[in-house]
């Protein structure tokens, strides 16, 4: 449509009028880091993080998320078991995420980034390029490459490398194991089993940069971080904090790791003492071997399964943080042998087979005890150091109690003979 000179003058006048009469929009674009608190499912216990782009002119808000996975993905569970975690980056309306997360009782806090318009446009272009089908999928790693480390790297990009320069060599507060435990303490079994399956690689000293595999650690750092902008001024990175939702009655994330050793040692000593005292009490009963055999089978099944899983994680999968785990010295698939041996001990009528089964079970518990002692001894060599004292605290009293029960069994058997 042709616009006549008179209309051009009118449009120019209208634009000038709007410019003077309407309040000026200081910042048409806002970039915010969205910190999401822990959720119900285990994979949400460590929280989440994303990047929010707000168009203050149109009101549109977009949520860029680098932590998306799909259970319906082809071979998802096989890939997950093998350590091949294919996550991807996606974008969606922010309000949809806020509503979903609020309905699931999760904290939502937004942190406004203080960046130039040029930097904002660069980051938006980077994010848009990431969500393209050919670029969006990546091989997720729990500590080295996840939703949080992607945001960490974007922040570093936004301040031209000053973020990593400040924290890349700064000593961290805890080890990776310590940070994991801060989020799992409220479920003792999950806390113990994750500690048991993870190897010595997560016990090395780390930097603040490495700690930012956790969303909350990024926020802890950026709240007070200042950088030099392109005008040469020292400015704060975060200029505003907005709470979108506050969760109710969730277990809090600990500021420091909770020491697990005392509670585990008390539990194991009490449990082992009860096992031993119960055996002594039942030893006068003619069917006490049934109790003893079934007890061996039960313990063998439990420790055999977690030992089999440990062997799988240590030597077969790509979960590299489970490698070099000295727990394999005392809990391994060999424990599964206690299942049939215990059944033989409990139900066979053949005294020779019964004694053979008891002897093999005694050897198994002796190997377990020696394995615990060996894994404690090699801690004196820095290369083999692992924070697995909690595993020792559980297994040493149990293996000692079962070994004593076996010795009593042979003593009673020899007396009868």
Protein backbone atom coordinates (compact mmCIF):
# COMPACT_ATOMS: atom_id res chain seq x y z
CA UNK A 1 0.00 0.00 0.00
CA UNK A 2 1.37 3.39 -0.98
CA UNK A 3 1.80 5.88 1.87
CA UNK A 4 1.32 9.53 0.88
CA UNK A 5 3.54 12.30 2.33
CA UNK A 6 0.66 13.49 4.52
CA UNK A 7 0.39 10.06 6.12
CA UNK A 8 4.15 9.94 6.67
CA UNK A 9 4.01 13.20 8.61
CA UNK A 10 1.07 11.87 10.65
CA UNK A 11 2.87 8.63 11.52
CA UNK A 12 6.00 10.54 12.52
CA UNK A 13 3.93 12.84 14.72
CA UNK A 14 2.20 9.82 16.30
CA UNK A 15 5.51 8.13 17.11
CA UNK A 16 6.86 11.32 18.69
CA UNK A 17 3.68 11.66 20.74
CA UNK A 18 4.00 8.09 22.00
CA UNK A 19 7.64 8.62 22.85
CA UNK A 20 6.83 11.66 25.01
CA UNK A 21 3.54 10.51 26.54
CA UNK A 22 4.25 6.84 27.35
CA UNK A 23 6.83 5.86 29.97
CA UNK A 24 10.10 4.82 28.37
CA UNK A 25 10.93 1.14 28.53
CA UNK A 26 14.38 1.09 30.09
CA UNK A 27 15.08 -2.54 29.29
CA UNK A 28 12.96 -4.29 26.64
CA UNK A 29 14.60 -7.66 27.42
CA UNK A 30 15.30 -9.31 30.77
CA UNK A 31 17.47 -12.39 31.24
CA UNK A 32 16.92 -14.33 34.45
CA UNK A 33 18.32 -17.49 35.97
CA UNK A 34 15.52 -19.66 37.35
CA UNK A 35 16.45 -21.76 40.38
CA UNK A 36 14.07 -24.67 40.95
CA UNK A 37 14.08 -26.42 44.32
CA UNK A 38 14.11 -30.21 44.90
CA UNK A 39 11.17 -32.37 43.84
CA UNK A 40 9.68 -35.68 44.96
CA UNK A 41 11.42 -38.02 42.50
CA UNK A 42 15.00 -39.07 43.22
CA UNK A 43 16.33 -37.40 40.06
CA UNK A 44 14.83 -34.09 41.26
CA UNK A 45 16.38 -34.15 44.74
CA UNK A 46 19.26 -31.92 43.62
CA UNK A 47 17.04 -29.22 42.17
CA UNK A 48 17.00 -27.73 38.71
CA UNK A 49 17.96 -24.55 36.88
CA UNK A 50 17.09 -22.82 33.64
CA UNK A 51 17.34 -19.56 31.72
CA UNK A 52 14.31 -17.27 31.35
CA UNK A 53 14.03 -14.60 28.65
CA UNK A 54 11.35 -11.98 29.23
CA UNK A 55 10.24 -9.63 26.48
CA UNK A 56 9.05 -6.61 28.44
CA UNK A 57 7.39 -5.10 25.35
CA UNK A 58 5.24 -8.05 24.29
CA UNK A 59 5.05 -9.76 27.69
CA UNK A 60 6.32 -13.05 26.25
CA UNK A 61 8.43 -15.21 28.61
CA UNK A 62 10.47 -18.19 27.39
CA UNK A 63 12.08 -20.87 29.57
CA UNK A 64 15.23 -22.52 28.18
CA UNK A 65 15.87 -25.88 29.83
CA UNK A 66 19.01 -28.03 29.42
CA UNK A 67 17.75 -30.84 31.66
CA UNK A 68 15.04 -32.55 29.61
CA UNK A 69 14.86 -36.32 29.19
CA UNK A 70 12.16 -38.64 27.91
CA UNK A 71 11.26 -42.04 29.38
CA UNK A 72 9.69 -42.90 26.02
CA UNK A 73 12.98 -42.38 24.22
CA UNK A 74 14.13 -45.50 22.37
CA UNK A 75 16.15 -47.78 24.68
CA UNK A 76 15.99 -45.15 27.44
CA UNK A 77 16.34 -47.55 30.37
CA UNK A 78 19.10 -49.59 28.74
CA UNK A 79 21.02 -46.41 27.94
CA UNK A 80 20.44 -45.10 31.45
CA UNK A 81 21.74 -48.31 33.02
CA UNK A 82 24.83 -48.21 30.80
CA UNK A 83 25.56 -44.57 31.61
CA UNK A 84 24.54 -43.17 28.24
CA UNK A 85 22.15 -40.42 29.29
CA UNK A 86 20.84 -38.53 26.28
CA UNK A 87 19.36 -35.25 27.51
CA UNK A 88 18.36 -32.30 25.40
CA UNK A 89 17.71 -28.59 25.51
CA UNK A 90 14.19 -27.32 24.98
CA UNK A 91 12.24 -24.08 25.18
CA UNK A 92 8.66 -23.51 26.30
CA UNK A 93 6.46 -20.71 27.68
CA UNK A 94 7.70 -19.83 31.16
CA UNK A 95 4.20 -19.76 32.66
CA UNK A 96 3.72 -23.44 31.80
CA UNK A 97 6.85 -24.33 33.77
CA UNK A 98 5.86 -22.12 36.70
CA UNK A 99 2.41 -23.69 36.92
CA UNK A 100 3.72 -27.24 36.66
CA UNK A 101 6.49 -26.70 39.20
CA UNK A 102 4.21 -24.87 41.65
CA UNK A 103 1.67 -27.70 41.42
CA UNK A 104 4.49 -30.09 42.37
CA UNK A 105 5.37 -28.02 45.45
CA UNK A 106 8.78 -26.83 44.27
CA UNK A 107 10.57 -23.58 44.99
CA UNK A 108 10.91 -21.17 42.07
CA UNK A 109 13.21 -18.15 42.37
CA UNK A 110 14.30 -15.84 39.55
CA UNK A 111 17.61 -13.94 39.53
CA UNK A 112 17.80 -11.03 37.08
CA UNK A 113 21.15 -10.73 35.29
CA UNK A 114 22.73 -7.32 34.83
CA UNK A 115 23.94 -7.49 31.22
CA UNK A 116 24.18 -5.16 28.25
CA UNK A 117 21.64 -5.46 25.46
CA UNK A 118 24.34 -6.79 23.16
CA UNK A 119 25.21 -9.57 25.62
CA UNK A 120 21.58 -10.47 26.11
CA UNK A 121 21.06 -10.81 22.38
CA UNK A 122 24.20 -12.96 22.11
CA UNK A 123 22.97 -15.30 24.84
CA UNK A 124 19.48 -15.53 23.35
CA UNK A 125 20.98 -16.40 19.99
CA UNK A 126 23.17 -19.02 21.69
CA UNK A 127 20.15 -20.53 23.46
CA UNK A 128 18.07 -20.53 20.28
CA UNK A 129 20.88 -22.30 18.47
CA UNK A 130 21.00 -24.91 21.29
CA UNK A 131 17.33 -25.82 20.93
CA UNK A 132 17.65 -26.54 17.22
CA UNK A 133 17.02 -30.27 16.57
CA UNK A 134 20.54 -30.86 15.28
CA UNK A 135 22.14 -29.24 18.36
CA UNK A 136 19.87 -29.91 21.29
CA UNK A 137 20.88 -33.45 22.34
CA UNK A 138 23.93 -34.03 24.51
CA UNK A 139 25.42 -36.82 26.64
CA UNK A 140 24.46 -35.87 30.18
CA UNK A 141 26.94 -36.36 33.01
CA UNK A 142 25.83 -35.93 36.63
CA UNK A 143 28.88 -33.91 37.61
CA UNK A 144 30.60 -32.66 34.47
CA UNK A 145 27.86 -31.77 31.99
CA UNK A 146 24.31 -31.21 33.19
CA UNK A 147 21.60 -28.55 33.34
CA UNK A 148 23.56 -26.58 35.95
CA UNK A 149 26.99 -26.69 34.27
CA UNK A 150 25.35 -25.48 31.04
CA UNK A 151 23.96 -22.42 32.85
CA UNK A 152 27.31 -21.93 34.60
CA UNK A 153 29.05 -21.83 31.22
CA UNK A 154 26.45 -19.43 29.81
CA UNK A 155 27.08 -17.06 32.73
CA UNK A 156 30.81 -17.27 32.05
CA UNK A 157 30.13 -16.46 28.41
CA UNK A 158 28.02 -13.46 29.47
CA UNK A 159 30.88 -11.91 31.45
CA UNK A 160 33.61 -12.76 28.92
CA UNK A 161 35.30 -15.47 31.00
CA UNK A 162 35.50 -13.52 34.25
CA UNK A 163 33.31 -16.05 36.04
CA UNK A 164 35.66 -18.98 35.49
CA UNK A 165 38.67 -16.77 36.10
CA UNK A 166 37.27 -16.01 39.57
CA UNK A 167 36.19 -19.52 40.56
CA UNK A 168 38.03 -21.95 38.30
CA UNK A 169 40.90 -22.33 40.79
CA UNK A 170 39.14 -21.35 44.02
CA UNK A 171 38.97 -24.25 46.48
CA UNK A 172 35.53 -25.77 46.97
CA UNK A 173 33.83 -26.34 50.30
CA UNK A 174 33.23 -30.09 50.05
CA UNK A 175 33.92 -33.08 47.85
CA UNK A 176 31.37 -34.21 45.27
CA UNK A 177 30.34 -36.96 47.71
CA UNK A 178 29.73 -34.37 50.40
CA UNK A 179 27.52 -32.30 48.11
CA UNK A 180 25.51 -35.33 47.05
CA UNK A 181 24.95 -36.32 50.66
CA UNK A 182 23.64 -32.84 51.58
CA UNK A 183 20.63 -33.60 49.37
CA UNK A 184 20.05 -37.26 50.27
CA UNK A 185 20.39 -37.24 54.08
CA UNK A 186 16.62 -37.41 54.66
CA UNK A 187 16.42 -40.95 53.22
CA UNK A 188 19.01 -43.10 55.05
CA UNK A 189 18.81 -46.08 52.68
CA UNK A 190 19.18 -44.02 49.48
CA UNK A 191 21.92 -42.02 51.16
CA UNK A 192 23.82 -45.20 52.07
CA UNK A 193 23.34 -47.03 48.79
CA UNK A 194 24.46 -44.06 46.66
CA UNK A 195 27.50 -43.61 48.87
CA UNK A 196 28.21 -47.33 48.55
CA UNK A 197 27.99 -47.41 44.75
CA UNK A 198 30.04 -44.27 44.06
CA UNK A 199 33.79 -44.70 43.81
CA UNK A 200 36.86 -42.83 44.93
CA UNK A 201 36.72 -40.35 42.04
CA UNK A 202 34.15 -38.22 43.87
CA UNK A 203 36.35 -37.93 46.98
CA UNK A 204 39.05 -35.75 45.46
CA UNK A 205 39.30 -32.04 46.36
CA UNK A 206 37.37 -29.88 43.91
CA UNK A 207 37.10 -26.23 42.95
CA UNK A 208 34.16 -23.87 43.30
CA UNK A 209 33.76 -24.23 39.54
CA UNK A 210 33.20 -27.98 39.96
CA UNK A 211 30.75 -27.45 42.81
CA UNK A 212 28.48 -25.66 40.38
CA UNK A 213 27.20 -28.98 39.05
CA UNK A 214 24.50 -28.16 41.60
CA UNK A 215 21.98 -25.44 40.71
CA UNK A 216 21.98 -24.03 44.25
CA UNK A 217 25.78 -23.64 44.19
CA UNK A 218 25.54 -21.43 41.10
CA UNK A 219 23.09 -19.15 42.88
CA UNK A 220 25.25 -19.09 46.01
CA UNK A 221 28.08 -17.70 43.89
CA UNK A 222 26.32 -15.31 41.50
CA UNK A 223 24.34 -13.45 44.17
CA UNK A 224 27.45 -11.54 45.25
CA UNK A 225 29.51 -11.80 42.08
CA UNK A 226 30.73 -8.60 40.41
CA UNK A 227 32.36 -8.24 37.03
CA UNK A 228 33.92 -5.55 34.87
CA UNK A 229 31.60 -4.55 32.03
CA UNK A 230 32.69 -3.26 28.63
CA UNK A 231 32.70 0.31 29.91
CA UNK A 232 35.26 -0.69 32.51
CA UNK A 233 32.92 -0.42 35.48
CA UNK A 234 32.65 -2.99 38.28
CA UNK A 235 28.98 -3.99 38.41
CA UNK A 236 26.94 -6.68 40.20
CA UNK A 237 25.84 -9.63 38.07
CA UNK A 238 22.48 -10.01 39.83
CA UNK A 239 20.26 -6.95 40.25
CA UNK A 240 16.97 -8.48 41.31
CA UNK A 241 15.51 -11.54 43.03
CA UNK A 242 11.89 -12.65 42.58
CA UNK A 243 10.20 -15.53 44.37
CA UNK A 244 7.62 -17.23 42.17
CA UNK A 245 6.72 -20.08 44.50
CA UNK A 246 7.68 -21.34 47.94
CA UNK A 247 7.45 -25.07 48.66
CA UNK A 248 5.88 -26.38 51.85
CA UNK A 249 7.11 -29.14 54.20
CA UNK A 250 10.03 -30.31 52.08
CA UNK A 251 13.22 -31.68 53.68
CA UNK A 252 15.75 -28.89 53.66
CA UNK A 253 19.09 -29.13 51.89
CA UNK A 254 21.83 -29.21 54.51
CA UNK A 255 24.45 -26.46 54.59
CA UNK A 256 27.09 -29.05 55.46
CA UNK A 257 27.08 -32.84 54.96
CA UNK A 258 25.59 -34.77 57.85
CA UNK A 259 28.08 -37.26 59.39
CA UNK A 260 26.64 -40.71 58.68
CA UNK A 261 29.28 -42.81 60.41
CA UNK A 262 28.03 -42.61 64.04
CA UNK A 263 24.42 -43.50 63.22
CA UNK A 264 25.44 -46.31 60.87
CA UNK A 265 27.88 -47.77 63.41
CA UNK A 266 25.24 -47.74 66.17
CA UNK A 267 22.68 -49.33 63.84
CA UNK A 268 25.09 -52.04 62.72
CA UNK A 269 26.26 -52.85 66.26
CA UNK A 270 22.69 -53.14 67.53
CA UNK A 271 21.58 -55.20 64.50
CA UNK A 272 24.60 -57.52 64.69
CA UNK A 273 24.23 -57.99 68.42
CA UNK A 274 20.59 -58.96 68.00
CA UNK A 275 21.51 -61.46 65.29
CA UNK A 276 24.14 -63.04 67.51
CA UNK A 277 22.02 -63.08 70.69
CA UNK A 278 19.08 -64.53 68.80
CA UNK A 279 21.29 -67.30 67.46
CA UNK A 280 22.59 -68.06 70.98
CA UNK A 281 19.02 -68.11 72.30
CA UNK A 282 17.83 -70.43 69.54
CA UNK A 283 20.92 -72.63 69.58
CA UNK A 284 19.27 -74.91 72.18
CA UNK A 285 16.38 -75.49 69.82
CA UNK A 286 16.73 -78.41 67.46
CA UNK A 287 15.67 -76.32 64.46
CA UNK A 288 18.08 -73.45 65.09
CA UNK A 289 19.95 -74.38 61.89
CA UNK A 290 16.85 -73.35 59.92
CA UNK A 291 17.06 -69.87 61.40
CA UNK A 292 20.81 -69.70 60.80
CA UNK A 293 20.53 -70.97 57.23
CA UNK A 294 17.70 -68.59 56.29
CA UNK A 295 19.56 -65.69 57.90
CA UNK A 296 22.60 -66.42 55.75
CA UNK A 297 20.42 -66.69 52.65
CA UNK A 298 18.69 -63.37 53.38
CA UNK A 299 21.91 -61.46 53.97
CA UNK A 300 23.51 -63.13 50.97
CA UNK A 301 20.62 -62.13 48.74
CA UNK A 302 20.68 -58.49 49.89
CA UNK A 303 24.43 -57.96 49.76
CA UNK A 304 24.73 -60.14 46.66
CA UNK A 305 22.32 -57.96 44.70
CA UNK A 306 23.99 -54.68 45.67
CA UNK A 307 27.38 -56.31 45.09
CA UNK A 308 26.31 -57.46 41.64
CA UNK A 309 25.13 -53.93 40.91
CA UNK A 310 28.45 -52.57 42.16
CA UNK A 311 30.36 -54.92 39.87
CA UNK A 312 28.18 -53.83 36.94
CA UNK A 313 28.69 -50.12 37.70
CA UNK A 314 32.42 -50.50 38.29
CA UNK A 315 33.44 -52.54 35.27
CA UNK A 316 30.72 -52.50 32.61
CA UNK A 317 28.90 -49.16 32.45
CA UNK A 318 30.01 -45.67 31.43
CA UNK A 319 29.14 -44.25 34.87
CA UNK A 320 32.74 -43.18 35.50
CA UNK A 321 32.04 -41.82 38.98
CA UNK A 322 31.38 -45.42 40.12
CA UNK A 323 34.81 -46.64 38.97
CA UNK A 324 37.72 -47.52 41.32
CA UNK A 325 35.46 -48.52 44.20
CA UNK A 326 37.22 -50.47 46.94
CA UNK A 327 33.85 -51.64 48.32
CA UNK A 328 34.11 -54.40 45.72
CA UNK A 329 36.72 -56.03 48.00
CA UNK A 330 34.09 -56.96 50.58
CA UNK A 331 30.69 -56.71 48.85
CA UNK A 332 30.53 -58.37 45.44
CA UNK A 333 28.56 -61.01 43.50
CA UNK A 334 30.28 -63.72 45.55
CA UNK A 335 27.70 -62.98 48.25
CA UNK A 336 25.02 -64.60 46.10
CA UNK A 337 26.57 -67.96 46.96
CA UNK A 338 25.15 -67.53 50.46
CA UNK A 339 21.62 -67.89 49.07
CA UNK A 340 21.84 -71.60 48.07
CA UNK A 341 24.32 -72.41 50.85
CA UNK A 342 21.94 -71.03 53.46
CA UNK A 343 19.04 -73.02 52.03
CA UNK A 344 21.14 -76.20 52.11
CA UNK A 345 22.14 -75.48 55.70
CA UNK A 346 18.52 -74.89 56.70
CA UNK A 347 16.78 -77.82 55.04
CA UNK A 348 19.16 -80.60 54.07
CA UNK A 349 19.04 -83.82 56.09
CA UNK A 350 22.52 -84.82 55.01
CA UNK A 351 24.95 -83.89 57.85
CA UNK A 352 27.94 -83.85 55.49
CA UNK A 353 26.28 -81.36 53.15
CA UNK A 354 25.11 -79.31 56.13
CA UNK A 355 28.65 -79.05 57.51
CA UNK A 356 30.09 -78.25 54.09
CA UNK A 357 27.54 -75.45 53.59
CA UNK A 358 28.32 -74.03 57.05
CA UNK A 359 32.05 -74.19 56.36
CA UNK A 360 31.69 -72.33 53.04
CA UNK A 361 29.48 -69.71 54.68
CA UNK A 362 32.12 -69.22 57.38
CA UNK A 363 34.75 -68.73 54.69
CA UNK A 364 32.50 -66.20 52.94
CA UNK A 365 32.08 -64.09 56.09
CA UNK A 366 35.80 -64.35 56.83
CA UNK A 367 36.57 -63.08 53.31
CA UNK A 368 34.13 -60.22 53.87
CA UNK A 369 35.82 -59.22 57.11
CA UNK A 370 39.30 -59.45 55.56
CA UNK A 371 38.08 -57.44 52.56
CA UNK A 372 36.89 -54.67 54.89
CA UNK A 373 40.26 -54.61 56.64
CA UNK A 374 42.12 -54.60 53.31
CA UNK A 375 40.08 -51.67 51.98
CA UNK A 376 40.79 -49.79 55.21
CA UNK A 377 44.53 -50.48 54.92
CA UNK A 378 44.86 -49.22 51.35
CA UNK A 379 43.47 -45.83 52.44
CA UNK A 380 47.00 -45.06 53.64
CA UNK A 381 47.96 -44.79 49.96
CA UNK A 382 46.51 -41.54 48.50
CA UNK A 383 45.73 -43.16 45.16
CA UNK A 384 43.31 -45.58 46.82
CA UNK A 385 41.67 -43.17 49.24
CA UNK A 386 37.89 -43.45 49.38
CA UNK A 387 35.34 -42.13 51.86
CA UNK A 388 33.68 -45.49 52.46
CA UNK A 389 33.87 -45.58 56.25
CA UNK A 390 30.08 -45.80 56.38
CA UNK A 391 30.20 -49.05 54.39
CA UNK A 392 32.83 -50.42 56.77
CA UNK A 393 30.66 -49.43 59.73
CA UNK A 394 27.81 -51.56 58.39
CA UNK A 395 29.71 -54.61 57.16
CA UNK A 396 32.38 -55.17 59.82
CA UNK A 397 30.00 -55.80 62.76
CA UNK A 398 27.66 -57.92 60.62
CA UNK A 399 30.43 -60.08 59.16
CA UNK A 400 32.03 -60.48 62.60
CA UNK A 401 28.70 -61.51 64.17
CA UNK A 402 27.99 -64.02 61.41
CA UNK A 403 31.49 -65.44 61.67
CA UNK A 404 31.04 -65.92 65.42
CA UNK A 405 27.69 -67.62 64.83
CA UNK A 406 29.38 -70.00 62.38
CA UNK A 407 32.11 -70.84 64.90
CA UNK A 408 29.45 -71.54 67.54
CA UNK A 409 27.62 -73.75 65.07
CA UNK A 410 30.73 -75.87 64.54
CA UNK A 411 31.37 -76.03 68.27
CA UNK A 412 27.85 -77.27 68.94
CA UNK A 413 28.05 -79.76 66.10
CA UNK A 414 31.36 -81.19 67.29
CA UNK A 415 30.01 -81.50 70.87
CA UNK A 416 27.02 -83.49 69.62
CA UNK A 417 29.30 -85.75 67.66
